[in-house]
Protein backbone atom coordinates (compact mmCIF):
# COMPACT_ATOMS: atom_id res chain seq x y z
CA UNK A 1 -62.04 115.87 160.63
CA UNK A 2 -62.44 116.45 156.88
CA UNK A 3 -64.69 119.11 155.43
CA UNK A 4 -66.77 116.37 153.80
CA UNK A 5 -67.35 114.74 157.20
CA UNK A 6 -68.21 118.10 158.69
CA UNK A 7 -70.76 118.75 155.96
CA UNK A 8 -72.42 115.39 156.63
CA UNK A 9 -73.05 116.13 160.30
CA UNK A 10 -76.68 116.93 161.11
CA UNK A 11 -77.43 120.48 162.18
CA UNK A 12 -78.91 120.67 165.67
CA UNK A 13 -82.51 121.87 165.55
CA UNK A 14 -84.00 123.81 168.39
CA UNK A 15 -87.11 122.45 170.01
CA UNK A 16 -90.37 123.90 168.64
CA UNK A 17 -92.18 126.30 170.92
CA UNK A 18 -94.99 128.83 170.96
CA UNK A 19 -92.54 131.68 171.61
CA UNK A 20 -92.69 132.93 168.02
CA UNK A 21 -96.47 132.98 168.06
CA UNK A 22 -96.69 134.77 171.40
CA UNK A 23 -94.13 137.33 170.22
CA UNK A 24 -96.12 138.10 167.06
CA UNK A 25 -99.37 138.33 169.02
CA UNK A 26 -97.99 140.26 172.00
CA UNK A 27 -99.79 143.54 171.34
CA UNK A 28 -103.05 141.82 170.48
CA UNK A 29 -102.86 139.54 173.52
CA UNK A 30 -102.27 142.51 175.81
CA UNK A 31 -105.61 143.81 174.57
CA UNK A 32 -107.23 140.38 175.05
CA UNK A 33 -105.85 140.10 178.60
CA UNK A 34 -107.21 143.55 179.43
CA UNK A 35 -110.65 142.50 178.17
CA UNK A 36 -110.48 139.26 180.16
CA UNK A 37 -109.57 140.99 183.40
CA UNK A 38 -112.20 143.68 182.90
CA UNK A 39 -114.97 141.16 182.20
CA UNK A 40 -114.02 138.91 185.13
CA UNK A 41 -115.11 141.65 187.49
CA UNK A 42 -118.34 141.45 189.46
CA UNK A 43 -119.72 142.99 192.67
CA UNK A 44 -120.05 139.40 193.91
CA UNK A 45 -116.51 139.04 195.28
CA UNK A 46 -116.17 135.26 194.92
CA UNK A 47 -116.57 135.53 191.13
CA UNK A 48 -113.40 137.54 190.34
CA UNK A 49 -111.46 135.72 193.07
CA UNK A 50 -112.27 132.27 191.73
CA UNK A 51 -111.87 133.35 188.08
CA UNK A 52 -108.49 134.96 188.81
CA UNK A 53 -107.32 131.72 190.46
CA UNK A 54 -107.70 129.91 187.15
CA UNK A 55 -107.44 132.54 184.42
CA UNK A 56 -104.69 134.58 186.05
CA UNK A 57 -102.34 131.63 186.43
CA UNK A 58 -99.86 130.08 184.04
CA UNK A 59 -102.33 129.66 181.18
CA UNK A 60 -100.79 129.85 177.70
CA UNK A 61 -104.00 131.38 176.31
CA UNK A 62 -103.54 129.01 173.39
CA UNK A 63 -107.10 129.18 172.06
CA UNK A 64 -107.31 132.99 172.01
CA UNK A 65 -103.86 132.98 170.41
CA UNK A 66 -105.35 130.85 167.65
CA UNK A 67 -108.15 133.36 167.13
CA UNK A 68 -105.66 136.22 166.84
CA UNK A 69 -103.27 134.27 164.58
CA UNK A 70 -106.05 133.09 162.27
CA UNK A 71 -107.39 136.63 161.95
CA UNK A 72 -103.97 138.08 161.15
CA UNK A 73 -103.09 135.25 158.77
CA UNK A 74 -106.41 135.87 157.00
CA UNK A 75 -105.53 139.53 156.54
CA UNK A 76 -107.16 141.30 159.50
CA UNK A 77 -105.93 144.85 159.99
CA UNK A 78 -108.27 145.95 162.78
CA UNK A 79 -108.93 144.70 166.33
CA UNK A 80 -112.30 143.05 165.74
CA UNK A 81 -110.81 139.67 166.70
CA UNK A 82 -109.92 140.71 170.26
CA UNK A 83 -113.43 140.34 171.67
CA UNK A 84 -113.76 136.92 170.07
CA UNK A 85 -110.40 135.82 171.47
CA UNK A 86 -111.47 136.85 174.99
CA UNK A 87 -114.78 135.04 174.51
CA UNK A 88 -112.92 131.88 173.49
CA UNK A 89 -110.83 132.00 176.68
CA UNK A 90 -113.95 132.40 178.82
CA UNK A 91 -115.62 129.43 177.12
CA UNK A 92 -112.52 127.32 177.71
CA UNK A 93 -112.17 128.38 181.35
CA UNK A 94 -115.85 127.69 182.02
CA UNK A 95 -115.50 124.16 180.67
CA UNK A 96 -112.41 123.58 182.85
CA UNK A 97 -114.29 124.64 185.98
CA UNK A 98 -117.13 122.29 185.14
CA UNK A 99 -114.76 119.45 184.18
CA UNK A 100 -112.84 119.63 187.44
CA UNK A 101 -116.04 119.32 189.46
CA UNK A 102 -117.26 116.36 187.39
CA UNK A 103 -113.86 114.62 187.54
CA UNK A 104 -113.06 115.57 191.16
CA UNK A 105 -109.68 116.81 189.91
CA UNK A 106 -107.14 117.97 192.48
CA UNK A 107 -104.90 120.13 190.26
CA UNK A 108 -105.48 122.50 187.37
CA UNK A 109 -102.65 124.41 185.69
CA UNK A 110 -100.38 123.41 188.56
CA UNK A 111 -102.69 124.89 191.21
CA UNK A 112 -105.19 123.39 193.60
CA UNK A 113 -108.46 122.98 191.68
CA UNK A 114 -110.93 125.79 192.38
CA UNK A 115 -113.69 123.49 193.63
CA UNK A 116 -111.42 122.31 196.46
CA UNK A 117 -111.06 125.92 197.66
CA UNK A 118 -114.47 127.48 197.00
CA UNK A 119 -116.59 124.34 196.69
CA UNK A 120 -118.27 122.63 193.74
CA UNK A 121 -121.41 124.83 193.62
CA UNK A 122 -119.37 128.05 193.40
CA UNK A 123 -117.12 126.58 190.70
CA UNK A 124 -120.08 125.53 188.57
CA UNK A 125 -121.83 128.87 188.96
CA UNK A 126 -118.69 130.90 188.17
CA UNK A 127 -118.32 128.72 185.10
CA UNK A 128 -121.85 129.72 184.13
CA UNK A 129 -120.94 133.38 184.72
CA UNK A 130 -117.96 133.06 182.35
CA UNK A 131 -120.14 131.43 179.69
CA UNK A 132 -122.51 134.40 179.97
CA UNK A 133 -119.62 136.86 179.71
CA UNK A 134 -118.38 135.05 176.59
CA UNK A 135 -121.71 135.58 174.85
CA UNK A 136 -121.72 139.27 175.77
CA UNK A 137 -118.29 139.59 174.16
CA UNK A 138 -119.44 137.73 171.04
CA UNK A 139 -122.42 140.05 170.61
CA UNK A 140 -120.19 143.11 171.04
CA UNK A 141 -117.87 141.78 168.32
CA UNK A 142 -120.72 142.47 165.90
CA UNK A 143 -120.27 139.36 163.72
CA UNK A 144 -123.27 137.07 163.48
CA UNK A 145 -121.27 134.35 161.65
CA UNK A 146 -118.63 134.35 164.42
CA UNK A 147 -121.35 134.29 167.07
CA UNK A 148 -122.90 131.27 165.35
CA UNK A 149 -119.54 129.48 165.19
CA UNK A 150 -118.77 129.94 168.90
CA UNK A 151 -122.34 129.26 170.03
CA UNK A 152 -122.29 126.00 168.09
CA UNK A 153 -118.93 125.13 169.62
CA UNK A 154 -120.37 125.64 173.12
CA UNK A 155 -123.17 123.20 172.32
CA UNK A 156 -120.82 120.62 170.79
CA UNK A 157 -118.49 120.79 173.81
CA UNK A 158 -121.40 120.12 176.15
CA UNK A 159 -122.50 117.20 173.99
CA UNK A 160 -118.98 115.79 174.13
CA UNK A 161 -118.95 116.06 177.92
CA UNK A 162 -122.24 114.20 178.18
CA UNK A 163 -121.11 111.53 175.72
CA UNK A 164 -117.94 110.98 177.73
CA UNK A 165 -119.97 110.77 180.94
CA UNK A 166 -122.30 108.14 179.47
CA UNK A 167 -119.35 106.04 178.28
CA UNK A 168 -117.21 106.41 181.41
CA UNK A 169 -115.27 103.28 182.45
CA UNK A 170 -116.27 101.55 179.17
CA UNK A 171 -113.55 98.98 178.49
CA UNK A 172 -115.00 98.30 175.03
CA UNK A 173 -115.21 101.92 173.88
CA UNK A 174 -114.45 101.96 170.13
CA UNK A 175 -111.59 104.19 168.99
CA UNK A 176 -114.05 106.02 166.73
CA UNK A 177 -116.18 106.98 169.75
CA UNK A 178 -113.11 108.12 171.66
CA UNK A 179 -112.14 110.34 168.72
CA UNK A 180 -115.71 111.66 168.58
CA UNK A 181 -115.47 112.59 172.28
CA UNK A 182 -112.15 114.44 172.01
CA UNK A 183 -113.26 115.98 168.73
CA UNK A 184 -116.20 117.52 170.59
CA UNK A 185 -114.59 118.26 173.98
CA UNK A 186 -111.26 119.64 172.77
CA UNK A 187 -110.86 119.95 169.00
CA UNK A 188 -114.15 121.79 168.44
CA UNK A 189 -113.02 124.86 170.38
CA UNK A 190 -109.63 124.86 168.62
CA UNK A 191 -111.49 124.71 165.30
CA UNK A 192 -114.03 127.37 166.26
CA UNK A 193 -111.34 129.69 167.64
CA UNK A 194 -109.44 129.53 164.35
CA UNK A 195 -112.53 129.80 162.15
CA UNK A 196 -113.99 132.71 164.11
CA UNK A 197 -110.73 134.62 163.77
CA UNK A 198 -110.78 134.18 160.00
CA UNK A 199 -114.46 135.16 159.83
CA UNK A 200 -113.76 138.34 161.83
CA UNK A 201 -111.20 139.27 159.18
CA UNK A 202 -113.82 139.01 156.43
CA UNK A 203 -111.92 136.13 154.81
CA UNK A 204 -113.49 134.08 152.00
CA UNK A 205 -115.16 130.76 152.79
CA UNK A 206 -112.22 128.66 151.59
CA UNK A 207 -109.82 130.50 153.90
CA UNK A 208 -112.17 130.11 156.87
CA UNK A 209 -112.55 126.39 156.11
CA UNK A 210 -108.78 125.89 155.87
CA UNK A 211 -108.19 127.57 159.22
CA UNK A 212 -110.99 125.57 160.81
CA UNK A 213 -109.31 122.40 159.50
CA UNK A 214 -106.00 123.57 160.97
CA UNK A 215 -107.56 124.21 164.38
CA UNK A 216 -109.46 120.94 164.52
CA UNK A 217 -106.44 118.79 163.64
CA UNK A 218 -104.25 120.75 166.03
CA UNK A 219 -106.78 120.19 168.83
CA UNK A 220 -106.89 116.45 168.17
CA UNK A 221 -103.08 116.28 168.24
CA UNK A 222 -102.93 118.24 171.50
CA UNK A 223 -105.49 116.01 173.22
CA UNK A 224 -103.86 112.77 172.07
CA UNK A 225 -100.51 113.94 173.44
CA UNK A 226 -102.18 115.03 176.71
CA UNK A 227 -103.74 111.59 177.04
CA UNK A 228 -100.37 109.94 176.43
CA UNK A 229 -98.63 112.25 178.92
CA UNK A 230 -101.05 111.12 181.63
CA UNK A 231 -99.17 107.81 181.55
CA UNK A 232 -95.70 109.19 180.88
CA UNK A 233 -95.44 112.82 181.98
CA UNK A 234 -94.83 114.79 185.16
CA UNK A 235 -97.01 117.28 187.03
CA UNK A 236 -94.89 120.15 185.70
CA UNK A 237 -95.64 119.11 182.11
CA UNK A 238 -99.31 118.37 182.63
CA UNK A 239 -100.42 121.01 185.13
CA UNK A 240 -102.25 118.15 186.85
CA UNK A 241 -101.28 114.90 188.57
CA UNK A 242 -100.04 112.10 186.28
CA UNK A 243 -102.44 109.19 186.41
CA UNK A 244 -105.55 111.32 186.94
CA UNK A 245 -107.18 109.80 183.85
CA UNK A 246 -106.42 106.29 185.11
CA UNK A 247 -107.69 107.02 188.62
CA UNK A 248 -110.88 108.52 187.19
CA UNK A 249 -111.35 105.50 184.93
CA UNK A 250 -111.29 107.59 181.76
CA UNK A 251 -111.24 105.53 178.58
CA UNK A 252 -108.50 107.40 176.71
CA UNK A 253 -106.75 105.97 173.66
CA UNK A 254 -103.57 104.77 175.44
CA UNK A 255 -105.75 102.85 177.91
CA UNK A 256 -108.07 101.43 175.23
CA UNK A 257 -105.14 100.21 173.14
CA UNK A 258 -103.48 98.68 176.20
CA UNK A 259 -106.67 96.84 177.17
CA UNK A 260 -106.99 95.44 173.64
CA UNK A 261 -103.33 94.44 173.38
CA UNK A 262 -102.89 92.86 176.81
CA UNK A 263 -106.04 90.79 176.31
CA UNK A 264 -107.08 88.01 178.66
CA UNK A 265 -103.80 88.14 180.59
CA UNK A 266 -104.72 91.49 182.18
CA UNK A 267 -108.52 91.46 181.83
CA UNK A 268 -109.13 91.08 185.56
CA UNK A 269 -106.76 93.97 186.32
CA UNK A 270 -108.53 96.35 183.92
CA UNK A 271 -111.99 95.31 185.10
CA UNK A 272 -111.05 95.92 188.72
CA UNK A 273 -109.24 99.22 188.23
CA UNK A 274 -111.26 100.83 185.43
CA UNK A 275 -114.70 99.20 185.39
CA UNK A 276 -115.14 98.89 189.16
CA UNK A 277 -112.50 101.53 190.06
CA UNK A 278 -111.13 99.43 192.90
CA UNK A 279 -107.56 100.71 192.91
CA UNK A 280 -104.53 100.48 195.14
CA UNK A 281 -101.55 102.84 195.28
CA UNK A 282 -99.47 100.45 193.16
CA UNK A 283 -102.02 100.08 190.37
CA UNK A 284 -101.11 103.20 188.41
CA UNK A 285 -97.46 102.17 188.10
CA UNK A 286 -98.56 98.77 186.83
CA UNK A 287 -100.94 100.40 184.36
CA UNK A 288 -98.18 102.76 183.21
CA UNK A 289 -95.86 99.82 182.51
CA UNK A 290 -98.56 97.94 180.64
CA UNK A 291 -99.51 100.95 178.50
CA UNK A 292 -95.89 101.65 177.65
CA UNK A 293 -94.83 98.03 177.23
CA UNK A 294 -97.50 97.10 174.69
CA UNK A 295 -96.75 100.09 172.46
CA UNK A 296 -99.99 101.93 173.24
CA UNK A 297 -98.15 105.18 173.96
CA UNK A 298 -96.20 104.99 170.70
CA UNK A 299 -99.39 104.33 168.73
CA UNK A 300 -101.19 107.25 170.38
CA UNK A 301 -98.31 109.61 169.67
CA UNK A 302 -98.04 108.40 166.08
CA UNK A 303 -101.70 109.28 165.56
CA UNK A 304 -101.06 112.70 167.12
CA UNK A 305 -98.25 113.24 164.62
CA UNK A 306 -100.63 112.39 161.78
CA UNK A 307 -103.11 115.01 162.95
CA UNK A 308 -100.33 117.59 163.37
CA UNK A 309 -99.23 116.88 159.80
CA UNK A 310 -102.82 117.37 158.61
CA UNK A 311 -102.95 120.67 160.49
CA UNK A 312 -99.81 121.90 158.73
CA UNK A 313 -101.15 120.74 155.37
CA UNK A 314 -104.22 122.93 155.89
CA UNK A 315 -101.92 125.98 155.79
CA UNK A 316 -100.35 125.10 152.43
CA UNK A 317 -102.26 127.80 150.55
CA UNK A 318 -101.15 130.66 152.82
CA UNK A 319 -98.10 132.72 151.98
CA UNK A 320 -96.51 135.86 153.36
CA UNK A 321 -98.55 137.17 156.28
CA UNK A 322 -95.58 138.48 158.28
CA UNK A 323 -94.54 135.19 159.87
CA UNK A 324 -97.97 134.06 161.09
CA UNK A 325 -97.97 130.91 158.94
CA UNK A 326 -94.52 129.85 160.15
CA UNK A 327 -95.57 130.43 163.76
CA UNK A 328 -98.66 128.24 163.34
CA UNK A 329 -96.63 125.50 161.64
CA UNK A 330 -94.27 125.56 164.62
CA UNK A 331 -97.27 125.39 166.95
CA UNK A 332 -98.34 122.13 165.27
CA UNK A 333 -94.82 120.78 165.76
CA UNK A 334 -94.89 121.90 169.39
CA UNK A 335 -98.15 120.02 169.95
CA UNK A 336 -96.40 116.68 169.45
CA UNK A 337 -92.95 117.69 170.72
CA UNK A 338 -94.40 118.11 174.25
CA UNK A 339 -94.11 114.35 174.70
CA UNK A 340 -90.33 114.70 175.02
């Protein structure tokens, strides 16, 4: 083989991961984990037991990682961001506990859902406990702007949950409404986690806005890929059962696009399985083939890639910062690579 041919060969590129980010944040995240475990404690024994079941599992702690990374990228030299990062994780965990009860989910992070072990009332109430703990941590952080950001995010998330509930099984849900739902339910906490980290560093308004933009677009990309993986992934990838969204009749983008593209030919199938939720064991496989065959998965993933690109663009003005920018850029790439 000639040297010219050798030079023309593409260089193999390793898959993006969050390893670089977790390595940079290791010391900070050890502090966050210590805070989380300390604030999970309660004399009411079911509270730490149930919280440990979910928080102490295989969670990536992605949202608190964002808070830490945004703070460090924005120039933070102290540990003021640690309380906010722990608060973000408690908010996220509380919403998961509530979601699983509402959706009757069987798995969460690869484990049996907490409500199936301790019951729905205990899961809801422990979620409330974690929300309360999150606000204690926010107050202790001593930043009113950060408290406002995360308090607003908690409200927006709840509004997104209610909006999704009111539009459940809606075969005519507009794509704009779907994006509004995932923008509230998922992207808002990504955005708030990033913005709060920058605020805790005392960063100027433009820096805080850029990091909020990064977080929001990253959150949208993550949720779009998650929704696509429900029709194409495995339990190991998802941490839940594939097809859960379909079985729950959730109007996610892959489903909405498939309904629109298969038209009258499959209208009766979608009305039976999604609108009336009369499903057989074979229905999910048929739905999976329809979603994939009409290009709905490809379209959903293409939109996720657009949001990931927007997230990376939001970091254009940041330089230096000891590798934090590069780690966040790789995180945006990882968000869409997970489909592989």
